[in-house]
Each structure stands twice: as structure tokens, then as C-alpha cells.
């Protein structure tokens, strides 16, 4: 937590975070939310682990990892 990470097209979001700045960052959040359309994110938006960057690039501040991330919470719930 606390790291600033560069993301670009083709990257998988491994941690939850807040987008600090980005240029045309489109995420595929279907694995997390079930939403099939790409979601455009601008600075200040929350990025969830388990999403995939389809377009653009940016930097985000990591705020949750592992079982504390959205993806981790879903995995825990499925294993319970």
C-alpha cells in the first residue's frame, strides 16, 4: 500500500487504488462487476483489482491489496 504504479493497456489491476492521473484509461471490469462495457476512468476514480486496462495509461495510488482488496474480498466470499 502507498505505492504509485504506472498502468497501461494490457495490464491487470493487481491492487485497488485511486487513479492519480491518466490518459484515456479504459478498464474491463467485467470480472469484478459483470459490466460488459469498458469503463472510462479519469483522475480521482477508484480502480478495482481484477480489472484489466484495455486502453490508455496512467498512474494510481495503491490503497488495498490481498484479502483487503475488492478482488480478495470476492475470493474470500467464494471460498466460505
Protein backbone atom coordinates (compact mmCIF):
# COMPACT_ATOMS: atom_id res chain seq x y z
CA UNK A 1 0.00 0.00 0.00
CA UNK A 2 1.12 3.51 -0.71
CA UNK A 3 2.98 2.68 -3.93
CA UNK A 4 2.35 4.72 -7.07
CA UNK A 5 2.05 2.36 -10.03
CA UNK A 6 2.11 3.01 -13.77
CA UNK A 7 -0.60 1.15 -15.70
CA UNK A 8 -1.08 0.87 -19.44
CA UNK A 9 -3.05 -1.12 -21.99
CA UNK A 10 -2.66 -4.85 -21.37
CA UNK A 11 -2.08 -4.60 -17.61
CA UNK A 12 -4.12 -6.45 -15.00
CA UNK A 13 -5.02 -4.46 -11.89
CA UNK A 14 -3.47 -6.44 -9.03
CA UNK A 15 -4.46 -3.99 -6.29
CA UNK A 16 -7.21 -1.47 -5.55
CA UNK A 17 -6.26 2.15 -5.91
CA UNK A 18 -7.09 5.71 -6.85
CA UNK A 19 -6.19 6.94 -10.32
CA UNK A 20 -3.93 9.97 -9.84
CA UNK A 21 -3.71 10.87 -13.50
CA UNK A 22 -4.45 9.12 -16.72
CA UNK A 23 -4.95 9.50 -20.43
CA UNK A 24 -7.97 7.68 -21.91
CA UNK A 25 -7.82 4.86 -19.35
CA UNK A 26 -10.49 2.31 -20.27
CA UNK A 27 -10.99 -0.66 -17.93
CA UNK A 28 -12.64 -4.01 -18.49
CA UNK A 29 -14.31 -4.53 -15.10
CA UNK A 30 -16.47 -7.46 -16.21
CA UNK A 31 -14.70 -9.96 -13.93
CA UNK A 32 -15.48 -7.78 -10.92
CA UNK A 33 -18.79 -6.05 -11.69
CA UNK A 34 -20.28 -8.10 -14.53
CA UNK A 35 -20.49 -4.93 -16.64
CA UNK A 36 -19.52 -5.83 -20.21
CA UNK A 37 -18.82 -2.30 -21.48
CA UNK A 38 -15.43 -0.69 -20.97
CA UNK A 39 -15.37 1.96 -18.24
CA UNK A 40 -13.51 5.23 -18.91
CA UNK A 41 -11.63 6.43 -15.81
CA UNK A 42 -10.23 9.88 -15.15
CA UNK A 43 -8.12 11.16 -12.25
CA UNK A 44 -9.71 10.59 -8.85
CA UNK A 45 -11.60 7.45 -9.83
CA UNK A 46 -11.31 4.21 -7.86
CA UNK A 47 -9.71 1.29 -9.72
CA UNK A 48 -10.55 -2.23 -8.60
CA UNK A 49 -8.27 -5.23 -8.59
CA UNK A 50 -9.33 -7.88 -11.06
CA UNK A 51 -9.92 -5.29 -13.80
CA UNK A 52 -7.90 -5.09 -17.00
CA UNK A 53 -6.60 -1.95 -18.70
CA UNK A 54 -7.75 -2.04 -22.32
CA UNK A 55 -6.69 1.44 -23.48
CA UNK A 56 -4.63 4.39 -22.29
CA UNK A 57 -2.18 4.76 -19.47
CA UNK A 58 -1.94 6.42 -16.10
CA UNK A 59 -0.65 6.25 -12.55
CA UNK A 60 -2.55 5.14 -9.48
CA UNK A 61 -2.01 5.07 -5.74
CA UNK A 62 -2.39 1.58 -4.23
CA UNK A 63 -4.83 1.62 -1.29
CA UNK A 64 -5.67 -2.07 -0.76
CA UNK A 65 -4.01 -5.41 -1.55
CA UNK A 66 -4.64 -9.09 -0.95
CA UNK A 67 -7.68 -10.00 1.15
CA UNK A 68 -8.34 -6.30 1.78
CA UNK A 69 -8.85 -5.56 -1.93
CA UNK A 70 -12.17 -5.94 -3.75
CA UNK A 71 -10.87 -8.97 -5.62
CA UNK A 72 -9.61 -10.51 -2.37
CA UNK A 73 -12.98 -9.99 -0.66
CA UNK A 74 -14.78 -11.72 -3.53
CA UNK A 75 -12.37 -14.66 -3.40
CA UNK A 76 -12.85 -14.99 0.36
CA UNK A 77 -16.63 -14.96 -0.05
CA UNK A 78 -16.48 -17.67 -2.72
CA UNK A 79 -14.30 -19.88 -0.52
CA UNK A 80 -16.54 -19.52 2.54
